Amino acid sequence: MAKLYTRTGDDGTTGFAGGRRVSKSALRVCAYGEVDELNAVLGWTSCEAKVPLRDQVREVQRALFAMGAELASANESNPAGSNFVQLNEKDVQQLERWIDQACESVPALKHFVLPGGTEVGARLHVARAVCRRAERAVVALMQAEAVRPVVLQYLNRLGDLLFAWARYVNHTAGQEEVVWEGDRVNP
């Protein structure tokens, strides 16, 4: 049986798909690490989400896995193997459709909303915050290396979707939003 550990990262480096070793603090590694964390938070969210949201979250997870593979494989001769799938504009458009669907069912947004609500709603808010951090990591990477623009577009739209889903989940559960109005909080 193959061992899970390799000890090759004990020196603070990690390997890309083509075998090249880089520092674990490299911008590219940080970017795909943030995407991986986002995927994990969405997996945690899907544990409590009901269909069809659970299925949609899992579809997003598959897209994020492809994104992580792309980020981990850039500039390598064999990007994540022969079955490498890349995000495209249709994936971004799917997120936009889901945003529109979620927003149709909730009251118009007139104030900032504090994260929270139901268990799934709160998890979606956590996922949104992690998504924005992943987005910032990809922006930092894009300033230093080539990254396809659709990667950033997907993360940007996904942050919006996670917020819309959190509002939708809380609304359909009858959970009132806690809004922020300047210096006071009103339920």
N, C-alpha and C. Protein backbone atom coordinates (compact mmCIF):
# COMPACT_ATOMS: atom_id res chain seq x y z
N MET A 1 0.85 -1.19 0.00
CA MET A 1 0.00 0.00 0.00
C MET A 1 0.89 1.24 0.00
N ALA A 2 0.54 2.18 -0.86
CA ALA A 2 1.29 3.43 -0.95
C ALA A 2 1.00 4.29 0.29
N LYS A 3 1.99 4.97 0.74
CA LYS A 3 1.85 5.85 1.90
C LYS A 3 1.25 7.18 1.47
N LEU A 4 0.45 7.77 2.34
CA LEU A 4 -0.13 9.07 2.07
C LEU A 4 0.93 10.16 2.13
N TYR A 5 1.86 10.02 3.03
CA TYR A 5 2.90 11.03 3.20
C TYR A 5 4.12 10.69 2.33
N THR A 6 4.76 11.74 1.85
CA THR A 6 5.95 11.56 0.99
C THR A 6 7.20 12.14 1.61
N ARG A 7 7.05 13.04 2.56
CA ARG A 7 8.15 13.76 3.21
C ARG A 7 8.83 14.77 2.28
N THR A 8 8.37 14.87 1.03
CA THR A 8 9.02 15.79 0.10
C THR A 8 8.71 17.25 0.42
N GLY A 9 7.67 17.50 1.19
CA GLY A 9 7.31 18.86 1.54
C GLY A 9 7.91 19.33 2.86
N ASP A 10 8.70 18.48 3.48
CA ASP A 10 9.29 18.82 4.77
C ASP A 10 10.25 20.01 4.69
N ASP A 11 10.70 20.32 3.49
CA ASP A 11 11.62 21.45 3.33
C ASP A 11 10.89 22.75 2.96
N GLY A 12 9.54 22.73 3.02
CA GLY A 12 8.77 23.94 2.72
C GLY A 12 8.46 24.12 1.25
N THR A 13 8.63 23.06 0.46
CA THR A 13 8.31 23.14 -0.96
C THR A 13 7.19 22.17 -1.29
N THR A 14 6.60 22.38 -2.45
CA THR A 14 5.58 21.49 -2.97
C THR A 14 5.81 21.33 -4.46
N GLY A 15 5.24 20.29 -5.05
CA GLY A 15 5.45 20.03 -6.46
C GLY A 15 4.23 20.37 -7.30
N PHE A 16 4.50 20.94 -8.48
CA PHE A 16 3.45 21.16 -9.46
C PHE A 16 3.25 19.88 -10.26
N ALA A 17 2.21 19.84 -11.07
CA ALA A 17 1.88 18.64 -11.84
C ALA A 17 3.04 18.18 -12.71
N GLY A 18 3.83 19.10 -13.24
CA GLY A 18 4.95 18.72 -14.10
C GLY A 18 6.20 18.31 -13.35
N GLY A 19 6.15 18.38 -12.02
CA GLY A 19 7.27 17.94 -11.22
C GLY A 19 8.13 19.07 -10.63
N ARG A 20 7.98 20.28 -11.16
CA ARG A 20 8.77 21.41 -10.65
C ARG A 20 8.39 21.68 -9.20
N ARG A 21 9.37 21.94 -8.35
CA ARG A 21 9.16 22.22 -6.94
C ARG A 21 9.25 23.72 -6.69
N VAL A 22 8.34 24.22 -5.85
CA VAL A 22 8.31 25.64 -5.50
C VAL A 22 8.02 25.77 -4.01
N SER A 23 8.23 26.96 -3.49
CA SER A 23 7.93 27.24 -2.10
C SER A 23 6.43 27.14 -1.85
N LYS A 24 6.08 26.62 -0.68
CA LYS A 24 4.67 26.54 -0.32
C LYS A 24 4.05 27.92 -0.11
N SER A 25 4.88 28.95 -0.05
CA SER A 25 4.37 30.32 0.08
C SER A 25 4.28 31.03 -1.26
N ALA A 26 4.56 30.35 -2.36
CA ALA A 26 4.47 30.95 -3.70
C ALA A 26 3.03 31.41 -3.96
N LEU A 27 2.89 32.50 -4.70
CA LEU A 27 1.57 33.05 -4.99
C LEU A 27 0.62 32.02 -5.60
N ARG A 28 1.13 31.22 -6.50
CA ARG A 28 0.29 30.21 -7.16
C ARG A 28 -0.19 29.17 -6.16
N VAL A 29 0.68 28.75 -5.27
CA VAL A 29 0.31 27.76 -4.26
C VAL A 29 -0.72 28.37 -3.31
N CYS A 30 -0.51 29.61 -2.93
CA CYS A 30 -1.48 30.29 -2.06
C CYS A 30 -2.84 30.38 -2.74
N ALA A 31 -2.85 30.69 -4.02
CA ALA A 31 -4.12 30.83 -4.75
C ALA A 31 -4.87 29.51 -4.79
N TYR A 32 -4.19 28.43 -5.18
CA TYR A 32 -4.96 27.18 -5.25
C TYR A 32 -5.25 26.62 -3.85
N GLY A 33 -4.46 27.01 -2.87
CA GLY A 33 -4.77 26.63 -1.49
C GLY A 33 -6.05 27.30 -0.99
N GLU A 34 -6.23 28.56 -1.35
CA GLU A 34 -7.46 29.27 -0.97
C GLU A 34 -8.67 28.66 -1.67
N VAL A 35 -8.50 28.28 -2.93
CA VAL A 35 -9.59 27.64 -3.67
C VAL A 35 -9.92 26.30 -3.02
N ASP A 36 -8.90 25.57 -2.57
CA ASP A 36 -9.12 24.30 -1.90
C ASP A 36 -9.88 24.50 -0.59
N GLU A 37 -9.52 25.54 0.17
CA GLU A 37 -10.25 25.82 1.41
C GLU A 37 -11.70 26.15 1.12
N LEU A 38 -11.95 26.94 0.10
CA LEU A 38 -13.31 27.26 -0.30
C LEU A 38 -14.09 25.99 -0.62
N ASN A 39 -13.46 25.09 -1.35
CA ASN A 39 -14.12 23.84 -1.71
C ASN A 39 -14.47 23.04 -0.45
N ALA A 40 -13.57 23.04 0.53
CA ALA A 40 -13.83 22.32 1.78
C ALA A 40 -15.00 22.94 2.54
N VAL A 41 -15.06 24.26 2.58
CA VAL A 41 -16.16 24.92 3.27
C VAL A 41 -17.48 24.62 2.56
N LEU A 42 -17.45 24.56 1.24
CA LEU A 42 -18.67 24.21 0.51
C LEU A 42 -19.07 22.77 0.76
N GLY A 43 -18.09 21.88 0.90
CA GLY A 43 -18.41 20.50 1.26
C GLY A 43 -19.10 20.43 2.61
N TRP A 44 -18.61 21.23 3.56
CA TRP A 44 -19.23 21.32 4.89
C TRP A 44 -20.65 21.87 4.76
N THR A 45 -20.83 22.85 3.91
CA THR A 45 -22.15 23.44 3.69
C THR A 45 -23.11 22.41 3.10
N SER A 46 -22.63 21.61 2.17
CA SER A 46 -23.52 20.66 1.50
C SER A 46 -24.03 19.57 2.44
N CYS A 47 -23.34 19.36 3.56
CA CYS A 47 -23.79 18.35 4.53
C CYS A 47 -25.19 18.63 5.05
N GLU A 48 -25.55 19.90 5.17
CA GLU A 48 -26.84 20.30 5.72
C GLU A 48 -27.79 20.87 4.67
N ALA A 49 -27.29 21.16 3.48
CA ALA A 49 -28.13 21.77 2.44
C ALA A 49 -29.10 20.76 1.87
N LYS A 50 -30.26 21.25 1.48
CA LYS A 50 -31.28 20.40 0.87
C LYS A 50 -31.19 20.50 -0.65
N VAL A 51 -31.69 19.49 -1.31
CA VAL A 51 -31.78 19.49 -2.77
C VAL A 51 -32.78 20.57 -3.15
N PRO A 52 -32.60 21.38 -4.16
CA PRO A 52 -31.56 21.31 -5.18
C PRO A 52 -30.27 22.06 -4.83
N LEU A 53 -30.28 22.82 -3.73
CA LEU A 53 -29.09 23.59 -3.39
C LEU A 53 -27.88 22.67 -3.21
N ARG A 54 -28.07 21.54 -2.54
CA ARG A 54 -26.94 20.62 -2.33
C ARG A 54 -26.32 20.21 -3.66
N ASP A 55 -27.14 19.91 -4.64
CA ASP A 55 -26.61 19.51 -5.95
C ASP A 55 -25.89 20.67 -6.64
N GLN A 56 -26.41 21.87 -6.50
CA GLN A 56 -25.76 23.04 -7.08
C GLN A 56 -24.42 23.31 -6.40
N VAL A 57 -24.38 23.18 -5.09
CA VAL A 57 -23.12 23.36 -4.36
C VAL A 57 -22.10 22.35 -4.84
N ARG A 58 -22.52 21.13 -5.02
CA ARG A 58 -21.58 20.09 -5.49
C ARG A 58 -21.10 20.38 -6.91
N GLU A 59 -21.96 20.96 -7.74
CA GLU A 59 -21.52 21.36 -9.08
C GLU A 59 -20.45 22.44 -8.98
N VAL A 60 -20.64 23.39 -8.08
CA VAL A 60 -19.63 24.42 -7.84
C VAL A 60 -18.34 23.78 -7.34
N GLN A 61 -18.45 22.79 -6.46
CA GLN A 61 -17.25 22.12 -5.95
C GLN A 61 -16.46 21.47 -7.09
N ARG A 62 -17.15 20.86 -8.02
CA ARG A 62 -16.45 20.25 -9.17
C ARG A 62 -15.72 21.32 -9.98
N ALA A 63 -16.37 22.46 -10.17
CA ALA A 63 -15.74 23.56 -10.91
C ALA A 63 -14.53 24.08 -10.16
N LEU A 64 -14.63 24.18 -8.85
CA LEU A 64 -13.49 24.66 -8.05
C LEU A 64 -12.34 23.66 -8.07
N PHE A 65 -12.65 22.39 -8.13
CA PHE A 65 -11.59 21.39 -8.22
C PHE A 65 -10.85 21.55 -9.54
N ALA A 66 -11.60 21.78 -10.62
CA ALA A 66 -10.98 22.03 -11.92
C ALA A 66 -10.14 23.30 -11.88
N MET A 67 -10.65 24.34 -11.21
CA MET A 67 -9.90 25.58 -11.08
C MET A 67 -8.60 25.35 -10.32
N GLY A 68 -8.68 24.61 -9.24
CA GLY A 68 -7.48 24.31 -8.46
C GLY A 68 -6.46 23.54 -9.28
N ALA A 69 -6.94 22.59 -10.07
CA ALA A 69 -6.02 21.83 -10.93
C ALA A 69 -5.36 22.75 -11.96
N GLU A 70 -6.14 23.66 -12.51
CA GLU A 70 -5.57 24.60 -13.48
C GLU A 70 -4.53 25.49 -12.82
N LEU A 71 -4.85 26.01 -11.64
CA LEU A 71 -3.89 26.87 -10.95
C LEU A 71 -2.63 26.11 -10.56
N ALA A 72 -2.78 24.85 -10.21
CA ALA A 72 -1.63 24.04 -9.80
C ALA A 72 -0.83 23.53 -10.99
N SER A 73 -1.39 23.65 -12.18
CA SER A 73 -0.75 23.08 -13.36
C SER A 73 -0.23 24.11 -14.34
N ALA A 74 -0.46 25.38 -14.09
CA ALA A 74 -0.06 26.42 -15.04
C ALA A 74 1.41 26.34 -15.37
N ASN A 75 1.71 26.56 -16.62
CA ASN A 75 3.07 26.54 -17.14
C ASN A 75 3.74 25.18 -17.03
N GLU A 76 2.97 24.14 -16.87
CA GLU A 76 3.52 22.79 -16.80
C GLU A 76 3.23 22.07 -18.12
N SER A 77 4.03 21.09 -18.43
CA SER A 77 3.89 20.40 -19.71
C SER A 77 2.69 19.47 -19.76
N ASN A 78 2.25 18.95 -18.63
CA ASN A 78 1.11 18.04 -18.59
C ASN A 78 0.11 18.54 -17.56
N PRO A 79 -0.72 19.51 -17.94
CA PRO A 79 -1.62 20.12 -16.95
C PRO A 79 -2.66 19.15 -16.41
N ALA A 80 -2.43 18.66 -15.22
CA ALA A 80 -3.37 17.80 -14.48
C ALA A 80 -3.82 16.58 -15.26
N GLY A 81 -3.00 16.09 -16.15
CA GLY A 81 -3.34 14.88 -16.88
C GLY A 81 -4.18 15.14 -18.11
N SER A 82 -4.52 14.08 -18.80
CA SER A 82 -5.22 14.20 -20.08
C SER A 82 -6.70 14.56 -19.92
N ASN A 83 -7.27 14.38 -18.75
CA ASN A 83 -8.68 14.69 -18.54
C ASN A 83 -8.90 16.08 -17.96
N PHE A 84 -7.97 16.96 -18.17
CA PHE A 84 -8.02 18.30 -17.59
C PHE A 84 -9.18 19.09 -18.19
N VAL A 85 -10.06 19.56 -17.32
CA VAL A 85 -11.22 20.36 -17.71
C VAL A 85 -10.99 21.77 -17.22
N GLN A 86 -11.26 22.76 -18.06
CA GLN A 86 -11.10 24.15 -17.66
C GLN A 86 -12.45 24.84 -17.62
N LEU A 87 -12.56 25.79 -16.71
CA LEU A 87 -13.76 26.62 -16.65
C LEU A 87 -13.87 27.46 -17.91
N ASN A 88 -15.10 27.82 -18.24
CA ASN A 88 -15.31 28.69 -19.38
C ASN A 88 -16.45 29.66 -19.09
N GLU A 89 -16.77 30.49 -20.03
CA GLU A 89 -17.79 31.52 -19.87
C GLU A 89 -19.15 30.92 -19.51
N LYS A 90 -19.45 29.73 -20.01
CA LYS A 90 -20.73 29.08 -19.68
C LYS A 90 -20.84 28.79 -18.18
N ASP A 91 -19.72 28.48 -17.56
CA ASP A 91 -19.72 28.23 -16.11
C ASP A 91 -20.06 29.52 -15.35
N VAL A 92 -19.51 30.63 -15.80
CA VAL A 92 -19.81 31.92 -15.18
C VAL A 92 -21.28 32.26 -15.40
N GLN A 93 -21.79 32.01 -16.58
CA GLN A 93 -23.19 32.30 -16.89
C GLN A 93 -24.13 31.46 -16.03
N GLN A 94 -23.74 30.22 -15.73
CA GLN A 94 -24.56 29.37 -14.86
C GLN A 94 -24.67 30.00 -13.47
N LEU A 95 -23.56 30.52 -12.96
CA LEU A 95 -23.60 31.19 -11.66
C LEU A 95 -24.54 32.39 -11.71
N GLU A 96 -24.49 33.14 -12.79
CA GLU A 96 -25.37 34.31 -12.93
C GLU A 96 -26.84 33.91 -12.92
N ARG A 97 -27.17 32.79 -13.58
CA ARG A 97 -28.56 32.31 -13.57
C ARG A 97 -28.99 31.95 -12.15
N TRP A 98 -28.10 31.28 -11.41
CA TRP A 98 -28.44 30.90 -10.04
C TRP A 98 -28.58 32.14 -9.15
N ILE A 99 -27.75 33.15 -9.38
CA ILE A 99 -27.88 34.39 -8.62
C ILE A 99 -29.25 35.00 -8.87
N ASP A 100 -29.62 35.11 -10.15
CA ASP A 100 -30.92 35.69 -10.50
C ASP A 100 -32.07 34.91 -9.88
N GLN A 101 -32.00 33.58 -9.92
CA GLN A 101 -33.05 32.76 -9.33
C GLN A 101 -33.16 32.99 -7.82
N ALA A 102 -32.03 33.03 -7.13
CA ALA A 102 -32.05 33.23 -5.68
C ALA A 102 -32.59 34.62 -5.33
N CYS A 103 -32.22 35.61 -6.11
CA CYS A 103 -32.63 36.99 -5.81
C CYS A 103 -34.10 37.25 -6.09
N GLU A 104 -34.70 36.46 -6.99
CA GLU A 104 -36.12 36.62 -7.31
C GLU A 104 -37.00 36.34 -6.11
N SER A 105 -36.56 35.52 -5.20
CA SER A 105 -37.39 35.04 -4.10
C SER A 105 -37.21 35.80 -2.79
N VAL A 106 -36.30 36.74 -2.75
CA VAL A 106 -36.03 37.45 -1.49
C VAL A 106 -36.35 38.92 -1.64
N PRO A 107 -36.62 39.61 -0.52
CA PRO A 107 -36.87 41.04 -0.61
C PRO A 107 -35.66 41.78 -1.16
N ALA A 108 -35.93 42.93 -1.78
CA ALA A 108 -34.84 43.75 -2.32
C ALA A 108 -33.88 44.12 -1.19
N LEU A 109 -32.63 44.18 -1.51
CA LEU A 109 -31.59 44.51 -0.54
C LEU A 109 -31.53 46.02 -0.36
N LYS A 110 -31.76 46.48 0.88
CA LYS A 110 -31.76 47.92 1.15
C LYS A 110 -30.71 48.30 2.18
N HIS A 111 -30.13 47.31 2.84
CA HIS A 111 -29.15 47.54 3.89
C HIS A 111 -28.07 46.46 3.79
N PHE A 112 -26.96 46.71 4.47
CA PHE A 112 -25.98 45.66 4.62
C PHE A 112 -26.56 44.59 5.53
N VAL A 113 -26.27 43.33 5.23
CA VAL A 113 -26.79 42.21 6.00
C VAL A 113 -25.64 41.60 6.79
N LEU A 114 -25.87 41.39 8.07
CA LEU A 114 -24.86 40.73 8.90
C LEU A 114 -24.89 39.23 8.63
N PRO A 115 -23.74 38.59 8.52
CA PRO A 115 -23.71 37.14 8.29
C PRO A 115 -24.37 36.39 9.44
N GLY A 116 -25.06 35.32 9.09
CA GLY A 116 -25.70 34.49 10.11
C GLY A 116 -26.95 33.86 9.59
N GLY A 117 -27.91 33.68 10.48
CA GLY A 117 -29.17 33.07 10.09
C GLY A 117 -29.21 31.60 10.43
N THR A 118 -29.71 30.81 9.52
CA THR A 118 -29.78 29.37 9.72
C THR A 118 -28.37 28.77 9.63
N GLU A 119 -28.25 27.51 9.99
CA GLU A 119 -26.95 26.84 9.90
C GLU A 119 -26.40 26.89 8.48
N VAL A 120 -27.21 26.54 7.50
CA VAL A 120 -26.74 26.55 6.11
C VAL A 120 -26.48 27.98 5.66
N GLY A 121 -27.33 28.91 6.04
CA GLY A 121 -27.12 30.31 5.68
C GLY A 121 -25.80 30.83 6.23
N ALA A 122 -25.52 30.52 7.48
CA ALA A 122 -24.26 30.97 8.09
C ALA A 122 -23.06 30.33 7.41
N ARG A 123 -23.17 29.06 7.06
CA ARG A 123 -22.07 28.38 6.36
C ARG A 123 -21.84 29.01 4.99
N LEU A 124 -22.92 29.40 4.32
CA LEU A 124 -22.77 30.07 3.02
C LEU A 124 -22.09 31.42 3.18
N HIS A 125 -22.37 32.12 4.26
CA HIS A 125 -21.68 33.39 4.52
C HIS A 125 -20.19 33.16 4.76
N VAL A 126 -19.84 32.09 5.49
CA VAL A 126 -18.43 31.75 5.69
C VAL A 126 -17.79 31.45 4.34
N ALA A 127 -18.48 30.66 3.53
CA ALA A 127 -17.97 30.32 2.19
C ALA A 127 -17.76 31.57 1.36
N ARG A 128 -18.67 32.54 1.47
CA ARG A 128 -18.52 33.79 0.72
C ARG A 128 -17.25 34.52 1.14
N ALA A 129 -17.00 34.58 2.43
CA ALA A 129 -15.79 35.27 2.91
C ALA A 129 -14.53 34.54 2.44
N VAL A 130 -14.54 33.21 2.46
CA VAL A 130 -13.39 32.44 1.97
C VAL A 130 -13.24 32.64 0.47
N CYS A 131 -14.35 32.71 -0.24
CA CYS A 131 -14.32 32.95 -1.69
C CYS A 131 -13.65 34.28 -2.00
N ARG A 132 -14.00 35.31 -1.24
CA ARG A 132 -13.40 36.63 -1.49
C ARG A 132 -11.89 36.60 -1.21
N ARG A 133 -11.48 35.81 -0.22
CA ARG A 133 -10.04 35.68 0.04
C ARG A 133 -9.36 34.95 -1.11
N ALA A 134 -10.00 33.91 -1.63
CA ALA A 134 -9.45 33.20 -2.79
C ALA A 134 -9.35 34.14 -3.99
N GLU A 135 -10.36 34.95 -4.15
CA GLU A 135 -10.36 35.93 -5.24
C GLU A 135 -9.17 36.89 -5.11
N ARG A 136 -8.92 37.37 -3.90
CA ARG A 136 -7.78 38.27 -3.69
C ARG A 136 -6.46 37.56 -3.97
N ALA A 137 -6.37 36.29 -3.62
CA ALA A 137 -5.14 35.53 -3.89
C ALA A 137 -4.92 35.36 -5.38
N VAL A 138 -5.99 35.15 -6.14
CA VAL A 138 -5.88 35.02 -7.59
C VAL A 138 -5.50 36.36 -8.20
N VAL A 139 -6.05 37.46 -7.70
CA VAL A 139 -5.66 38.79 -8.20
C VAL A 139 -4.17 39.01 -7.98
N ALA A 140 -3.67 38.66 -6.80
CA ALA A 140 -2.23 38.81 -6.52
C ALA A 140 -1.41 37.96 -7.49
N LEU A 141 -1.87 36.75 -7.75
CA LEU A 141 -1.18 35.88 -8.70
C LEU A 141 -1.21 36.48 -10.11
N MET A 142 -2.35 37.02 -10.51
CA MET A 142 -2.48 37.60 -11.85
C MET A 142 -1.55 38.79 -12.06
N GLN A 143 -1.19 39.47 -10.98
CA GLN A 143 -0.28 40.59 -11.10
C GLN A 143 1.15 40.13 -11.33
N ALA A 144 1.42 38.85 -11.08
CA ALA A 144 2.77 38.31 -11.24
C ALA A 144 2.89 37.30 -12.37
N GLU A 145 1.81 36.59 -12.67
CA GLU A 145 1.86 35.51 -13.67
C GLU A 145 0.56 35.49 -14.47
N ALA A 146 0.59 34.78 -15.55
CA ALA A 146 -0.59 34.65 -16.40
C ALA A 146 -1.61 33.71 -15.76
N VAL A 147 -2.83 34.19 -15.71
CA VAL A 147 -3.98 33.39 -15.26
C VAL A 147 -5.13 33.75 -16.19
N ARG A 148 -5.85 32.74 -16.65
CA ARG A 148 -6.98 33.03 -17.53
C ARG A 148 -8.00 33.89 -16.80
N PRO A 149 -8.51 34.95 -17.43
CA PRO A 149 -9.46 35.86 -16.77
C PRO A 149 -10.72 35.16 -16.25
N VAL A 150 -11.14 34.08 -16.88
CA VAL A 150 -12.36 33.40 -16.46
C VAL A 150 -12.22 32.85 -15.03
N VAL A 151 -11.02 32.57 -14.59
CA VAL A 151 -10.81 32.09 -13.22
C VAL A 151 -11.25 33.17 -12.23
N LEU A 152 -10.81 34.39 -12.46
CA LEU A 152 -11.19 35.50 -11.59
C LEU A 152 -12.67 35.81 -11.72
N GLN A 153 -13.19 35.78 -12.94
CA GLN A 153 -14.61 36.05 -13.16
C GLN A 153 -15.47 35.06 -12.40
N TYR A 154 -15.08 33.79 -12.44
CA TYR A 154 -15.85 32.75 -11.75
C TYR A 154 -15.86 33.01 -10.25
N LEU A 155 -14.70 33.30 -9.68
CA LEU A 155 -14.64 33.56 -8.23
C LEU A 155 -15.44 34.80 -7.85
N ASN A 156 -15.35 35.83 -8.66
CA ASN A 156 -16.10 37.06 -8.39
C ASN A 156 -17.60 36.79 -8.38
N ARG A 157 -18.07 36.08 -9.38
CA ARG A 157 -19.50 35.77 -9.47
C ARG A 157 -19.89 34.80 -8.35
N LEU A 158 -19.00 33.86 -8.02
CA LEU A 158 -19.32 32.90 -6.98
C LEU A 158 -19.52 33.58 -5.62
N GLY A 159 -18.71 34.59 -5.32
CA GLY A 159 -18.91 35.33 -4.08
C GLY A 159 -20.30 35.94 -4.02
N ASP A 160 -20.75 36.50 -5.14
CA ASP A 160 -22.10 37.06 -5.21
C ASP A 160 -23.15 35.96 -5.02
N LEU A 161 -22.93 34.82 -5.66
CA LEU A 161 -23.88 33.71 -5.55
C LEU A 161 -23.98 33.21 -4.12
N LEU A 162 -22.87 33.07 -3.45
CA LEU A 162 -22.91 32.56 -2.08
C LEU A 162 -23.69 33.50 -1.17
N PHE A 163 -23.55 34.81 -1.39
CA PHE A 163 -24.34 35.78 -0.64
C PHE A 163 -25.82 35.62 -0.98
N ALA A 164 -26.13 35.50 -2.27
CA ALA A 164 -27.53 35.35 -2.70
C ALA A 164 -28.13 34.07 -2.14
N TRP A 165 -27.36 32.99 -2.16
CA TRP A 165 -27.86 31.72 -1.60
C TRP A 165 -28.09 31.84 -0.10
N ALA A 166 -27.19 32.50 0.62
CA ALA A 166 -27.37 32.66 2.07
C ALA A 166 -28.67 33.40 2.35
N ARG A 167 -28.92 34.48 1.61
CA ARG A 167 -30.15 35.23 1.79
C ARG A 167 -31.37 34.37 1.46
N TYR A 168 -31.28 33.62 0.38
CA TYR A 168 -32.38 32.76 -0.06
C TYR A 168 -32.69 31.69 0.99
N VAL A 169 -31.66 31.01 1.45
CA VAL A 169 -31.84 29.93 2.42
C VAL A 169 -32.47 30.49 3.70
N ASN A 170 -31.96 31.59 4.17
CA ASN A 170 -32.50 32.19 5.39
C ASN A 170 -33.94 32.64 5.19
N HIS A 171 -34.21 33.25 4.06
CA HIS A 171 -35.57 33.74 3.77
C HIS A 171 -36.57 32.59 3.71
N THR A 172 -36.22 31.52 2.98
CA THR A 172 -37.16 30.41 2.83
C THR A 172 -37.37 29.67 4.15
N ALA A 173 -36.43 29.79 5.07
CA ALA A 173 -36.58 29.17 6.40
C ALA A 173 -37.31 30.10 7.37
N GLY A 174 -37.68 31.30 6.90
CA GLY A 174 -38.37 32.25 7.75
C GLY A 174 -37.46 32.97 8.73
N GLN A 175 -36.16 32.91 8.47
CA GLN A 175 -35.18 33.56 9.33
C GLN A 175 -35.02 35.02 8.90
N GLU A 176 -35.35 35.94 9.80
CA GLU A 176 -35.19 37.36 9.48
C GLU A 176 -33.72 37.71 9.39
N GLU A 177 -33.41 38.58 8.44
CA GLU A 177 -32.03 39.06 8.31
C GLU A 177 -31.76 40.10 9.38
N VAL A 178 -30.54 40.09 9.88
CA VAL A 178 -30.10 41.14 10.79
C VAL A 178 -29.33 42.13 9.92
N VAL A 179 -29.83 43.34 9.87
CA VAL A 179 -29.21 44.34 8.99
C VAL A 179 -28.35 45.30 9.80
N TRP A 180 -27.42 45.87 9.12
CA TRP A 180 -26.53 46.87 9.72
C TRP A 180 -26.95 48.23 9.19
N GLU A 181 -27.28 49.13 10.11
CA GLU A 181 -27.67 50.48 9.73
C GLU A 181 -26.81 51.46 10.51
N GLY A 182 -25.65 51.74 9.99
CA GLY A 182 -24.77 52.70 10.64
C GLY A 182 -24.25 52.18 11.95
N ASP A 183 -24.71 52.78 13.04
CA ASP A 183 -24.17 52.46 14.35
C ASP A 183 -25.07 51.56 15.19
N ARG A 184 -26.13 50.99 14.60
CA ARG A 184 -26.99 50.13 15.39
C ARG A 184 -27.42 48.93 14.55
N VAL A 185 -27.84 47.89 15.23
CA VAL A 185 -28.29 46.67 14.58
C VAL A 185 -29.78 46.49 14.88
N ASN A 186 -30.53 46.26 13.80
CA ASN A 186 -31.97 46.04 13.95
C ASN A 186 -32.32 44.68 13.36
N PRO A 187 -33.02 43.84 14.12
CA PRO A 187 -33.43 42.54 13.55
C PRO A 187 -34.51 42.71 12.52
